[in-house]
Amino acid sequence: MRHTEHFVDGLIARDATPIGTMLALASIQPDPDQPRSGVGDLTDLVSSIRQKGVLEPILVRRIAEDGFRIISGERRYRASLEAGLYEIPAIEMDVTQQEALEIALIENLQRQDLTPFEEAEGYRQLAERYEYTHEQISTAVGKSRSVVTESLSLLHLPEPVRESIRAFGVTSKSILLEVLKLESPTQMLSLLGKISSHGLGRDAVRKEVLRLKKAAGKASVGSRAKPYTYQFRSPDKSYRLSVSFRQSTVEPEDLIRILEEAAARLREEERAQDSCTL
């Protein structure tokens, strides 16, 4: 079905029932917690807005008597500023910060324009700030639980590796999940170089990961290195904690991450049991 009038025209038509309003750009501010870390190149969007205007309202929530914060549509907002506009079509939503983050994340995921790390950071905000379980996140964004868990696992990549991923422009989540299977950051960086220079696809990367892990396994057997085990005994000797790793060396930050993951899993299982009891 087609309309003879674009719906944005309804915002300002005197004889039509408005679906939103025109807001001054000066009264709007971006959301610092939104999942997208950058807005990208706005050249084409600025040109389109100068010629045809903003064709889709942004979503905002009120944060003061005459102030608003963007829920969705920051690219349109920034492009409108560059285009020299003074106001923009907007739909005000009465939602909390938590609901606004969920809406922003869902809207961005539906556009499929988030990087794997932006997607993962959005999920982490829901999990850490608002105590969403992986199951609740999957329901909220319309993704399977395994997809959510895989995305969050990418945050375990060391920061130097993440920087290389951004520098090489590797955006395939399936390829990054294969890279994550390597234990050594040095191996990860080497593999990323090959991916960039040879344009390796997922299957080729998977074979290379298997080759590297096999070679590392042989080297480990040859050196007869013992697996690393962390042990902790409570001061009153009421309990003892032991964590064993496959590799022989473990960095302190890796140990802390593993313990935090275990604690998070226990909390998630406890919440699941409580919900079943209710």
C-alpha atoms as a PDB file:
ATOM      1  CA  MET A   1       0.000   0.000   0.000  1.00  0.00           C
ATOM      2  CA  ARG A   2       1.240   3.469  -0.844  1.00  0.00           C
ATOM      3  CA  HIS A   3       0.491   6.875   0.643  1.00  0.00           C
ATOM      4  CA  THR A   4       0.203  10.002  -1.470  1.00  0.00           C
ATOM      5  CA  GLU A   5       1.896  11.962   1.323  1.00  0.00           C
ATOM      6  CA  HIS A   6       5.091  10.998   3.151  1.00  0.00           C
ATOM      7  CA  PHE A   7       4.379  10.333   6.821  1.00  0.00           C
ATOM      8  CA  VAL A   8       6.865  12.997   7.936  1.00  0.00           C
ATOM      9  CA  ASP A   9       4.664  15.592   6.240  1.00  0.00           C
ATOM     10  CA  GLY A  10       1.998  14.612   8.767  1.00  0.00           C
ATOM     11  CA  LEU A  11       4.160  15.988  11.540  1.00  0.00           C
ATOM     12  CA  ILE A  12       3.794  19.537  10.307  1.00  0.00           C
ATOM     13  CA  ALA A  13       0.540  19.481   8.313  1.00  0.00           C
ATOM     14  CA  ARG A  14      -2.066  21.690   9.964  1.00  0.00           C
ATOM     15  CA  ASP A  15      -5.037  19.511   8.993  1.00  0.00           C
ATOM     16  CA  ALA A  16      -3.483  16.144   9.875  1.00  0.00           C
ATOM     17  CA  THR A  17      -3.222  14.211  13.109  1.00  0.00           C
ATOM     18  CA  PRO A  18       0.500  14.239  13.979  1.00  0.00           C
ATOM     19  CA  ILE A  19       2.391  11.060  14.776  1.00  0.00           C
ATOM     20  CA  GLY A  20       5.224  13.012  16.373  1.00  0.00           C
ATOM     21  CA  THR A  21       6.558  16.514  16.496  1.00  0.00           C
ATOM     22  CA  MET A  22       9.273  18.769  15.131  1.00  0.00           C
ATOM     23  CA  LEU A  23      11.951  19.345  17.772  1.00  0.00           C
ATOM     24  CA  ALA A  24      14.706  21.938  17.804  1.00  0.00           C
ATOM     25  CA  LEU A  25      18.073  20.261  17.335  1.00  0.00           C
ATOM     26  CA  ALA A  26      19.416  22.443  20.149  1.00  0.00           C
ATOM     27  CA  SER A  27      17.054  20.707  22.599  1.00  0.00           C
ATOM     28  CA  ILE A  28      18.352  17.219  21.734  1.00  0.00           C
ATOM     29  CA  GLN A  29      21.491  15.447  22.935  1.00  0.00           C
ATOM     30  CA  PRO A  30      22.972  12.048  22.000  1.00  0.00           C
ATOM     31  CA  ASP A  31      22.903   9.163  24.468  1.00  0.00           C
ATOM     32  CA  PRO A  32      26.431   8.445  25.767  1.00  0.00           C
ATOM     33  CA  ASP A  33      25.406   4.840  26.507  1.00  0.00           C
ATOM     34  CA  GLN A  34      24.128   3.999  23.037  1.00  0.00           C
ATOM     35  CA  PRO A  35      25.621   0.780  21.577  1.00  0.00           C
ATOM     36  CA  ARG A  36      27.126   2.355  18.452  1.00  0.00           C
ATOM     37  CA  SER A  37      30.665   3.671  19.085  1.00  0.00           C
ATOM     38  CA  GLY A  38      30.834   5.748  15.876  1.00  0.00           C
ATOM     39  CA  VAL A  39      28.453   7.211  13.299  1.00  0.00           C
ATOM     40  CA  GLY A  40      30.615   6.563  10.230  1.00  0.00           C
ATOM     41  CA  ASP A  41      30.705   8.672   7.071  1.00  0.00           C
ATOM     42  CA  LEU A  42      27.707  11.018   6.920  1.00  0.00           C
ATOM     43  CA  THR A  43      28.419  12.566   3.501  1.00  0.00           C
ATOM     44  CA  ASP A  44      25.670  10.775   1.573  1.00  0.00           C
ATOM     45  CA  LEU A  45      23.137  11.192   4.377  1.00  0.00           C
ATOM     46  CA  VAL A  46      23.868  14.926   4.680  1.00  0.00           C
ATOM     47  CA  SER A  47      23.389  15.299   0.921  1.00  0.00           C
ATOM     48  CA  SER A  48      20.095  13.394   1.038  1.00  0.00           C
ATOM     49  CA  ILE A  49      18.792  15.500   3.929  1.00  0.00           C
ATOM     50  CA  ARG A  50      19.668  18.737   2.127  1.00  0.00           C
ATOM     51  CA  GLN A  51      17.707  17.576  -0.913  1.00  0.00           C
ATOM     52  CA  LYS A  52      14.744  15.756   0.638  1.00  0.00           C
ATOM     53  CA  GLY A  53      14.822  16.434   4.360  1.00  0.00           C
ATOM     54  CA  VAL A  54      14.745  13.851   7.133  1.00  0.00           C
ATOM     55  CA  LEU A  55      12.489  11.033   5.900  1.00  0.00           C
ATOM     56  CA  GLU A  56      12.266   9.074   9.140  1.00  0.00           C
ATOM     57  CA  PRO A  57      11.677  10.537  12.617  1.00  0.00           C
ATOM     58  CA  ILE A  58      14.231   9.898  15.321  1.00  0.00           C
ATOM     59  CA  LEU A  59      13.156   8.428  18.665  1.00  0.00           C
ATOM     60  CA  VAL A  60      13.762  10.481  21.825  1.00  0.00           C
ATOM     61  CA  ARG A  61      12.914  10.487  25.508  1.00  0.00           C
ATOM     62  CA  ARG A  62      12.419  13.559  27.667  1.00  0.00           C
ATOM     63  CA  ILE A  63      15.139  14.214  30.257  1.00  0.00           C
ATOM     64  CA  ALA A  64      14.130  17.770  31.240  1.00  0.00           C
ATOM     65  CA  GLU A  65      11.239  20.167  30.736  1.00  0.00           C
ATOM     66  CA  ASP A  66      12.614  21.247  27.372  1.00  0.00           C
ATOM     67  CA  GLY A  67      15.388  18.694  26.823  1.00  0.00           C
ATOM     68  CA  PHE A  68      15.498  15.330  25.075  1.00  0.00           C
ATOM     69  CA  ARG A  69      17.953  12.452  24.678  1.00  0.00           C
ATOM     70  CA  ILE A  70      18.187  10.324  21.564  1.00  0.00           C
ATOM     71  CA  ILE A  71      17.011   6.725  21.750  1.00  0.00           C
ATOM     72  CA  SER A  72      17.509   5.955  18.070  1.00  0.00           C
ATOM     73  CA  GLY A  73      18.607   8.065  15.116  1.00  0.00           C
ATOM     74  CA  GLU A  74      21.921   9.678  16.074  1.00  0.00           C
ATOM     75  CA  ARG A  75      23.198   9.523  12.474  1.00  0.00           C
ATOM     76  CA  ARG A  76      20.132  11.441  11.275  1.00  0.00           C
ATOM     77  CA  TYR A  77      20.587  13.926  14.125  1.00  0.00           C
ATOM     78  CA  ARG A  78      24.257  14.598  13.358  1.00  0.00           C
ATOM     79  CA  ALA A  79      23.669  14.725   9.597  1.00  0.00           C
ATOM     80  CA  SER A  80      20.875  17.259  10.164  1.00  0.00           C
ATOM     81  CA  LEU A  81      23.293  19.447  12.125  1.00  0.00           C
ATOM     82  CA  GLU A  82      25.799  19.266   9.264  1.00  0.00           C
ATOM     83  CA  ALA A  83      23.043  20.008   6.753  1.00  0.00           C
ATOM     84  CA  GLY A  84      22.240  23.227   8.626  1.00  0.00           C
ATOM     85  CA  LEU A  85      18.764  22.274   9.847  1.00  0.00           C
ATOM     86  CA  TYR A  86      17.294  23.825  12.989  1.00  0.00           C
ATOM     87  CA  GLU A  87      14.732  21.136  13.773  1.00  0.00           C
ATOM     88  CA  ILE A  88      14.088  17.465  13.097  1.00  0.00           C
ATOM     89  CA  PRO A  89      11.008  15.188  13.091  1.00  0.00           C
ATOM     90  CA  ALA A  90      10.926  13.141  16.286  1.00  0.00           C
ATOM     91  CA  ILE A  91       8.734  10.750  18.209  1.00  0.00           C
ATOM     92  CA  GLU A  92       8.871  11.097  21.989  1.00  0.00           C
ATOM     93  CA  MET A  93       8.699   7.844  23.948  1.00  0.00           C
ATOM     94  CA  ASP A  94       7.950   7.563  27.654  1.00  0.00           C
ATOM     95  CA  VAL A  95      10.583   4.975  28.570  1.00  0.00           C
ATOM     96  CA  THR A  96      13.280   4.434  31.188  1.00  0.00           C
ATOM     97  CA  GLN A  97      17.011   4.483  30.462  1.00  0.00           C
ATOM     98  CA  GLN A  98      16.980   0.678  30.522  1.00  0.00           C
ATOM     99  CA  GLU A  99      14.132   0.500  28.021  1.00  0.00           C
ATOM    100  CA  ALA A 100      15.809   3.150  25.870  1.00  0.00           C
ATOM    101  CA  LEU A 101      19.023   1.120  25.695  1.00  0.00           C
ATOM    102  CA  GLU A 102      17.065  -1.978  24.727  1.00  0.00           C
ATOM    103  CA  ILE A 103      15.201  -0.088  21.988  1.00  0.00           C
ATOM    104  CA  ALA A 104      18.441   1.446  20.670  1.00  0.00           C
ATOM    105  CA  LEU A 105      20.163  -1.925  20.596  1.00  0.00           C
ATOM    106  CA  ILE A 106      17.246  -3.645  18.885  1.00  0.00           C
ATOM    107  CA  GLU A 107      16.939  -0.845  16.317  1.00  0.00           C
ATOM    108  CA  ASN A 108      20.643  -0.993  15.517  1.00  0.00           C
ATOM    109  CA  LEU A 109      20.675  -4.788  15.289  1.00  0.00           C
ATOM    110  CA  GLN A 110      17.747  -4.714  12.902  1.00  0.00           C
ATOM    111  CA  ARG A 111      19.773  -2.405  10.667  1.00  0.00           C
ATOM    112  CA  GLN A 112      22.720  -4.823  10.909  1.00  0.00           C
ATOM    113  CA  ASP A 113      25.204  -1.950  11.022  1.00  0.00           C
ATOM    114  CA  LEU A 114      26.876  -2.600  14.364  1.00  0.00           C
ATOM    115  CA  THR A 115      30.374  -4.003  14.458  1.00  0.00           C
ATOM    116  CA  PRO A 116      30.753  -7.315  16.342  1.00  0.00           C
ATOM    117  CA  PHE A 117      32.311  -5.449  19.281  1.00  0.00           C
ATOM    118  CA  GLU A 118      29.573  -2.783  19.370  1.00  0.00           C
ATOM    119  CA  GLU A 119      26.992  -5.573  19.426  1.00  0.00           C
ATOM    120  CA  ALA A 120      28.839  -7.361  22.224  1.00  0.00           C
ATOM    121  CA  GLU A 121      29.220  -4.151  24.265  1.00  0.00           C
ATOM    122  CA  GLY A 122      25.485  -3.537  23.963  1.00  0.00           C
ATOM    123  CA  TYR A 123      24.764  -7.004  25.297  1.00  0.00           C
ATOM    124  CA  ARG A 124      27.244  -6.463  28.119  1.00  0.00           C
ATOM    125  CA  GLN A 125      25.471  -3.271  29.159  1.00  0.00           C
ATOM    126  CA  LEU A 126      22.187  -5.154  29.422  1.00  0.00           C
ATOM    127  CA  ALA A 127      23.862  -7.967  31.378  1.00  0.00           C
ATOM    128  CA  GLU A 128      25.991  -5.924  33.776  1.00  0.00           C
ATOM    129  CA  ARG A 129      24.068  -2.696  34.252  1.00  0.00           C
ATOM    130  CA  TYR A 130      20.538  -4.118  34.223  1.00  0.00           C
ATOM    131  CA  GLU A 131      21.251  -7.743  35.241  1.00  0.00           C
ATOM    132  CA  TYR A 132      19.754  -9.333  32.144  1.00  0.00           C
ATOM    133  CA  THR A 133      20.404 -13.056  31.752  1.00  0.00           C
ATOM    134  CA  HIS A 134      21.577 -14.322  28.370  1.00  0.00           C
ATOM    135  CA  GLU A 135      18.083 -15.734  27.853  1.00  0.00           C
ATOM    136  CA  GLN A 136      16.465 -12.357  28.568  1.00  0.00           C
ATOM    137  CA  ILE A 137      18.857 -10.622  26.179  1.00  0.00           C
ATOM    138  CA  SER A 138      18.067 -13.112  23.423  1.00  0.00           C
ATOM    139  CA  THR A 139      14.334 -12.527  23.905  1.00  0.00           C
ATOM    140  CA  ALA A 140      14.740  -8.737  23.922  1.00  0.00           C
ATOM    141  CA  VAL A 141      16.780  -8.538  20.702  1.00  0.00           C
ATOM    142  CA  GLY A 142      15.260 -11.469  18.835  1.00  0.00           C
ATOM    143  CA  LYS A 143      18.484 -13.482  18.670  1.00  0.00           C
ATOM    144  CA  SER A 144      19.173 -17.018  19.837  1.00  0.00           C
ATOM    145  CA  ARG A 145      20.834 -17.468  23.212  1.00  0.00           C
ATOM    146  CA  SER A 146      23.888 -19.031  21.551  1.00  0.00           C
ATOM    147  CA  VAL A 147      24.328 -15.959  19.334  1.00  0.00           C
ATOM    148  CA  VAL A 148      24.252 -13.693  22.396  1.00  0.00           C
ATOM    149  CA  THR A 149      26.750 -15.878  24.267  1.00  0.00           C
ATOM    150  CA  GLU A 150      29.084 -16.032  21.252  1.00  0.00           C
ATOM    151  CA  SER A 151      28.963 -12.255  20.845  1.00  0.00           C
ATOM    152  CA  LEU A 152      29.830 -11.688  24.487  1.00  0.00           C
ATOM    153  CA  SER A 153      32.756 -14.118  24.218  1.00  0.00           C
ATOM    154  CA  LEU A 154      34.432 -11.737  21.734  1.00  0.00           C
ATOM    155  CA  LEU A 155      35.026  -9.334  24.631  1.00  0.00           C
ATOM    156  CA  HIS A 156      37.600 -11.828  25.922  1.00  0.00           C
ATOM    157  CA  LEU A 157      39.924 -10.948  23.046  1.00  0.00           C
ATOM    158  CA  PRO A 158      42.910  -8.962  24.376  1.00  0.00           C
ATOM    159  CA  GLU A 159      42.844  -5.247  23.605  1.00  0.00           C
ATOM    160  CA  PRO A 160      45.946  -5.359  21.325  1.00  0.00           C
ATOM    161  CA  VAL A 161      44.179  -8.037  19.281  1.00  0.00           C
ATOM    162  CA  ARG A 162      41.020  -5.916  19.111  1.00  0.00           C
ATOM    163  CA  GLU A 163      43.054  -2.965  17.883  1.00  0.00           C
ATOM    164  CA  SER A 164      44.518  -5.110  15.112  1.00  0.00           C
ATOM    165  CA  ILE A 165      41.052  -6.354  14.193  1.00  0.00           C
ATOM    166  CA  ARG A 166      39.878  -2.764  13.792  1.00  0.00           C
ATOM    167  CA  ALA A 167      43.029  -1.814  11.867  1.00  0.00           C
ATOM    168  CA  PHE A 168      42.673  -4.773   9.477  1.00  0.00           C
ATOM    169  CA  GLY A 169      38.950  -4.155   9.065  1.00  0.00           C
ATOM    170  CA  VAL A 170      37.910  -7.693  10.030  1.00  0.00           C
ATOM    171  CA  THR A 171      34.150  -7.523  10.677  1.00  0.00           C
ATOM    172  CA  SER A 172      33.019 -11.153  10.284  1.00  0.00           C
ATOM    173  CA  LYS A 173      31.853 -12.496  13.633  1.00  0.00           C
ATOM    174  CA  SER A 174      32.322 -16.112  12.510  1.00  0.00           C
ATOM    175  CA  ILE A 175      35.976 -15.414  11.645  1.00  0.00           C
ATOM    176  CA  LEU A 176      36.578 -13.603  14.943  1.00  0.00           C
ATOM    177  CA  LEU A 177      35.119 -16.543  16.859  1.00  0.00           C
ATOM    178  CA  GLU A 178      37.659 -18.793  15.146  1.00  0.00           C
ATOM    179  CA  VAL A 179      40.489 -16.414  16.079  1.00  0.00           C
ATOM    180  CA  LEU A 180      39.255 -16.513  19.682  1.00  0.00           C
ATOM    181  CA  LYS A 181      39.937 -20.259  19.799  1.00  0.00           C
ATOM    182  CA  LEU A 182      43.684 -19.570  19.831  1.00  0.00           C
ATOM    183  CA  GLU A 183      45.241 -19.266  23.281  1.00  0.00           C
ATOM    184  CA  SER A 184      48.191 -17.057  22.387  1.00  0.00           C
ATOM    185  CA  PRO A 185      47.719 -13.361  21.509  1.00  0.00           C
ATOM    186  CA  THR A 186      50.851 -13.716  19.350  1.00  0.00           C
ATOM    187  CA  GLN A 187      49.160 -16.439  17.321  1.00  0.00           C
ATOM    188  CA  MET A 188      46.011 -14.331  17.067  1.00  0.00           C
ATOM    189  CA  LEU A 189      47.927 -11.341  15.712  1.00  0.00           C
ATOM    190  CA  SER A 190      49.804 -13.520  13.235  1.00  0.00           C
ATOM    191  CA  LEU A 191      46.569 -15.084  11.991  1.00  0.00           C
ATOM    192  CA  LEU A 192      44.904 -11.679  11.640  1.00  0.00           C
ATOM    193  CA  GLY A 193      47.796 -10.590   9.436  1.00  0.00           C
ATOM    194  CA  LYS A 194      47.215 -13.594   7.175  1.00  0.00           C
ATOM    195  CA  ILE A 195      43.477 -12.944   7.076  1.00  0.00           C
ATOM    196  CA  SER A 196      44.102  -9.372   5.976  1.00  0.00           C
ATOM    197  CA  SER A 197      46.862 -10.040   3.443  1.00  0.00           C
ATOM    198  CA  HIS A 198      45.375 -13.199   1.884  1.00  0.00           C
ATOM    199  CA  GLY A 199      41.664 -12.474   2.288  1.00  0.00           C
ATOM    200  CA  LEU A 200      41.033 -15.743   4.129  1.00  0.00           C
ATOM    201  CA  GLY A 201      37.419 -16.850   4.542  1.00  0.00           C
ATOM    202  CA  ARG A 202      35.931 -18.663   7.533  1.00  0.00           C
ATOM    203  CA  ASP A 203      36.762 -22.179   6.327  1.00  0.00           C
ATOM    204  CA  ALA A 204      40.372 -21.252   5.582  1.00  0.00           C
ATOM    205  CA  VAL A 205      40.684 -19.532   8.967  1.00  0.00           C
ATOM    206  CA  ARG A 206      39.238 -22.589  10.709  1.00  0.00           C
ATOM    207  CA  LYS A 207      41.835 -24.848   9.062  1.00  0.00           C
ATOM    208  CA  GLU A 208      44.615 -22.447  10.035  1.00  0.00           C
ATOM    209  CA  VAL A 209      43.388 -22.369  13.648  1.00  0.00           C
ATOM    210  CA  LEU A 210      43.390 -26.179  13.787  1.00  0.00           C
ATOM    211  CA  ARG A 211      46.914 -26.242  12.368  1.00  0.00           C
ATOM    212  CA  LEU A 212      48.180 -23.711  14.897  1.00  0.00           C
ATOM    213  CA  LYS A 213      46.525 -25.476  17.835  1.00  0.00           C
ATOM    214  CA  LYS A 214      47.952 -28.817  16.716  1.00  0.00           C
ATOM    215  CA  ALA A 215      51.427 -27.312  16.408  1.00  0.00           C
ATOM    216  CA  ALA A 216      51.086 -25.686  19.826  1.00  0.00           C
ATOM    217  CA  GLY A 217      49.972 -29.006  21.303  1.00  0.00           C
ATOM    218  CA  LYS A 218      53.011 -30.803  19.948  1.00  0.00           C
ATOM    219  CA  ALA A 219      55.296 -28.092  21.281  1.00  0.00           C
ATOM    220  CA  SER A 220      53.642 -28.360  24.678  1.00  0.00           C
ATOM    221  CA  VAL A 221      54.123 -32.134  24.760  1.00  0.00           C
ATOM    222  CA  GLY A 222      57.729 -31.747  23.702  1.00  0.00           C
ATOM    223  CA  SER A 223      58.506 -29.298  26.463  1.00  0.00           C
ATOM    224  CA  ARG A 224      56.519 -31.325  29.037  1.00  0.00           C
ATOM    225  CA  ALA A 225      55.142 -28.135  30.554  1.00  0.00           C
ATOM    226  CA  LYS A 226      52.769 -28.759  33.436  1.00  0.00           C
ATOM    227  CA  PRO A 227      49.249 -27.253  33.356  1.00  0.00           C
ATOM    228  CA  TYR A 228      48.887 -24.200  35.598  1.00  0.00           C
ATOM    229  CA  THR A 229      46.755 -24.580  38.725  1.00  0.00           C
ATOM    230  CA  TYR A 230      45.642 -21.712  40.950  1.00  0.00           C
ATOM    231  CA  GLN A 231      44.877 -22.614  44.559  1.00  0.00           C
ATOM    232  CA  PHE A 232      43.379 -20.522  47.323  1.00  0.00           C
ATOM    233  CA  ARG A 233      42.668 -21.509  50.938  1.00  0.00           C
ATOM    234  CA  SER A 234      40.460 -19.351  53.137  1.00  0.00           C
ATOM    235  CA  PRO A 235      42.171 -17.824  56.198  1.00  0.00           C
ATOM    236  CA  ASP A 236      39.994 -19.899  58.527  1.00  0.00           C
ATOM    237  CA  LYS A 237      40.641 -23.025  56.409  1.00  0.00           C
ATOM    238  CA  SER A 238      36.901 -23.565  55.966  1.00  0.00           C
ATOM    239  CA  TYR A 239      37.227 -24.051  52.217  1.00  0.00           C
ATOM    240  CA  ARG A 240      39.798 -24.367  49.439  1.00  0.00           C
ATOM    241  CA  LEU A 241      39.468 -23.228  45.817  1.00  0.00           C
ATOM    242  CA  SER A 242      41.393 -24.812  42.953  1.00  0.00           C
ATOM    243  CA  VAL A 243      41.259 -23.741  39.281  1.00  0.00           C
ATOM    244  CA  SER A 244      43.184 -25.727  36.665  1.00  0.00           C
ATOM    245  CA  PHE A 245      44.127 -24.503  33.182  1.00  0.00           C
ATOM    246  CA  ARG A 246      45.251 -26.401  30.113  1.00  0.00           C
ATOM    247  CA  GLN A 247      48.120 -24.024  29.443  1.00  0.00           C
ATOM    248  CA  SER A 248      51.192 -23.815  31.615  1.00  0.00           C
ATOM    249  CA  THR A 249      51.195 -20.026  32.073  1.00  0.00           C
ATOM    250  CA  VAL A 250      48.250 -17.795  32.965  1.00  0.00           C
ATOM    251  CA  GLU A 251      48.227 -14.012  33.269  1.00  0.00           C
ATOM    252  CA  PRO A 252      46.608 -12.499  36.405  1.00  0.00           C
ATOM    253  CA  GLU A 253      43.946 -10.711  34.329  1.00  0.00           C
ATOM    254  CA  ASP A 254      42.982 -14.032  32.687  1.00  0.00           C
ATOM    255  CA  LEU A 255      42.560 -15.662  36.100  1.00  0.00           C
ATOM    256  CA  ILE A 256      40.422 -12.747  37.307  1.00  0.00           C
ATOM    257  CA  ARG A 257      38.279 -12.992  34.162  1.00  0.00           C
ATOM    258  CA  ILE A 258      37.712 -16.731  34.663  1.00  0.00           C
ATOM    259  CA  LEU A 259      36.673 -16.258  38.295  1.00  0.00           C
ATOM    260  CA  GLU A 260      34.301 -13.414  37.327  1.00  0.00           C
ATOM    261  CA  GLU A 261      32.760 -15.592  34.615  1.00  0.00           C
ATOM    262  CA  ALA A 262      32.203 -18.403  37.117  1.00  0.00           C
ATOM    263  CA  ALA A 263      30.581 -15.983  39.591  1.00  0.00           C
ATOM    264  CA  ALA A 264      28.347 -14.549  36.848  1.00  0.00           C
ATOM    265  CA  ARG A 265      27.244 -18.031  35.811  1.00  0.00           C
ATOM    266  CA  LEU A 266      26.362 -18.921  39.415  1.00  0.00           C
ATOM    267  CA  ARG A 267      24.301 -15.724  39.756  1.00  0.00           C
ATOM    268  CA  GLU A 268      22.511 -16.486  36.494  1.00  0.00           C
ATOM    269  CA  GLU A 269      21.681 -20.036  37.611  1.00  0.00           C
ATOM    270  CA  GLU A 270      20.468 -18.735  40.979  1.00  0.00           C
ATOM    271  CA  ARG A 271      18.155 -16.205  39.266  1.00  0.00           C
ATOM    272  CA  ALA A 272      16.847 -18.949  36.983  1.00  0.00           C
ATOM    273  CA  GLN A 273      16.089 -21.167  39.979  1.00  0.00           C
ATOM    274  CA  ASP A 274      14.350 -18.288  41.780  1.00  0.00           C
ATOM    275  CA  SER A 275      12.181 -17.561  38.725  1.00  0.00           C
ATOM    276  CA  CYS A 276      11.206 -21.238  38.483  1.00  0.00           C
ATOM    277  CA  THR A 277      10.293 -21.256  42.183  1.00  0.00           C
ATOM    278  CA  LEU A 278       8.044 -18.222  41.706  1.00  0.00           C
END
